[in-house]
Protein backbone atom coordinates (compact mmCIF):
# COMPACT_ATOMS: atom_id res chain seq x y z
CA MET A 1 2.94 35.24 74.80
CA SER A 2 3.82 33.22 72.32
CA LYS A 3 6.19 32.71 73.74
CA GLU A 4 3.99 31.91 77.36
CA PHE A 5 1.52 29.70 75.91
CA PRO A 6 2.39 28.49 72.84
CA THR A 7 -0.71 26.41 72.64
CA LEU A 8 -3.24 28.89 73.41
CA MET A 9 -2.10 31.08 71.32
CA GLU A 10 -2.27 27.72 68.25
CA THR A 11 -6.19 28.37 70.05
CA LEU A 12 -7.00 31.65 69.62
CA VAL A 13 -4.92 33.28 67.27
CA HIS A 14 -3.57 30.65 64.42
CA GLU A 15 -6.97 27.83 63.82
CA ARG A 16 -8.53 31.15 64.18
CA ASP A 17 -6.88 33.10 61.26
CA ARG A 18 -7.09 29.70 58.73
CA TYR A 19 -10.80 29.38 59.95
CA MET A 20 -11.75 32.25 58.18
CA SER A 21 -9.23 32.63 56.16
CA SER A 22 -10.92 28.82 54.43
CA THR A 23 -14.14 30.05 54.79
CA LEU A 24 -13.60 33.85 53.53
CA LEU A 25 -12.02 32.31 50.66
CA LYS A 26 -15.64 29.45 49.88
CA ILE A 27 -17.42 32.64 50.66
CA ALA A 28 -15.28 34.42 48.16
CA SER A 29 -16.02 32.12 45.04
CA LYS A 30 -18.93 32.70 45.13
CA HIS A 31 -19.32 36.26 45.03
CA SER A 32 -17.95 38.77 42.92
CA SER A 33 -17.49 40.76 45.82
CA VAL A 34 -16.76 40.10 49.40
CA VAL A 35 -16.06 42.42 52.81
CA ALA A 36 -14.88 41.36 55.92
CA VAL A 37 -13.97 43.30 59.81
CA VAL A 38 -11.20 41.12 60.79
CA GLY A 39 -9.79 41.80 64.37
CA LYS A 40 -6.12 43.68 62.96
CA GLY A 41 -4.49 40.35 64.77
CA HIS A 42 -5.76 38.01 62.67
CA LEU A 43 -4.91 40.31 59.23
CA GLN A 44 -1.43 38.00 58.63
CA GLY A 45 -2.56 35.25 59.29
CA ILE A 46 -5.69 35.64 57.06
CA LYS A 47 -3.26 36.19 53.71
CA LYS A 48 -1.07 34.13 55.69
CA HIS A 49 -3.35 30.98 54.70
CA TRP A 50 -5.10 32.70 52.15
CA LYS A 51 -5.80 29.89 49.66
CA GLN A 52 -4.08 27.39 51.64
CA PRO A 53 -6.20 24.02 50.92
CA VAL A 54 -6.87 24.10 55.38
CA VAL A 55 -9.01 20.98 56.09
CA VAL A 56 -11.88 22.63 58.53
CA ILE A 57 -12.37 19.29 60.27
CA ASP A 58 -9.06 19.07 62.01
CA LEU A 59 -9.47 22.35 63.76
CA MET A 60 -12.29 21.38 65.31
CA GLY A 61 -11.53 18.64 66.63
CA ILE A 62 -9.11 18.40 70.48
CA PRO A 63 -5.38 17.88 69.84
CA SER A 64 -4.84 14.08 71.39
CA PRO A 65 -2.47 15.05 75.12
CA LYS A 66 1.13 15.63 73.64
CA PRO A 67 4.32 13.70 74.98
CA ALA A 68 5.01 15.74 76.77
CA ALA A 69 2.93 14.41 79.95
CA ALA A 70 4.03 11.37 80.20
CA VAL A 71 8.39 11.64 79.74
CA LYS A 72 7.21 13.78 82.66
CA ILE A 73 5.95 10.44 84.40
CA LEU A 74 8.61 8.40 83.45
CA LYS A 75 11.17 10.82 84.86
CA SER A 76 9.25 10.83 87.73
CA LEU A 77 8.36 7.62 88.63
CA GLY A 78 12.86 7.49 87.81
CA VAL A 79 13.62 9.54 90.49
CA ALA A 80 11.53 7.43 92.88
CA VAL A 81 13.19 4.32 91.74
CA ALA A 82 16.08 5.27 92.55
CA GLY A 83 15.40 7.20 95.76
CA VAL A 84 14.30 4.24 96.35
CA ALA A 85 17.51 2.55 96.19
CA ILE A 86 19.65 4.21 97.99
CA ILE A 87 17.62 4.21 100.85
CA SER A 88 16.93 1.10 100.23
CA GLY A 89 20.88 1.26 100.20
CA ILE A 90 21.48 2.36 103.43
CA TYR A 91 19.06 1.05 105.10
CA LEU A 92 21.48 -2.68 104.11
CA ALA A 93 24.37 -0.60 104.64
CA ILE A 94 23.86 0.53 107.89
CA LYS A 95 21.03 -2.94 109.12
CA LYS A 96 25.11 -4.88 108.77
């Protein structure tokens, strides 16, 4: 899943791991014992992020669009301009 849908994997698994780790750590700092039931898929991520600083507000926002979309638009525009140039060249050559 992570190879085919990296953004989905980031949102559904990795961000949730950081959020749960931060929340559990906050609760654990106030109580002598805490029991949490989490899915097996999140256990390693929670352990990985345990006691690491997590800015929860950053996890709540929607990320800005990646520049990849702009690159695709520029490539398409470049192809269109090249196509017009080629067609114009052919038209002018035939017209003579």
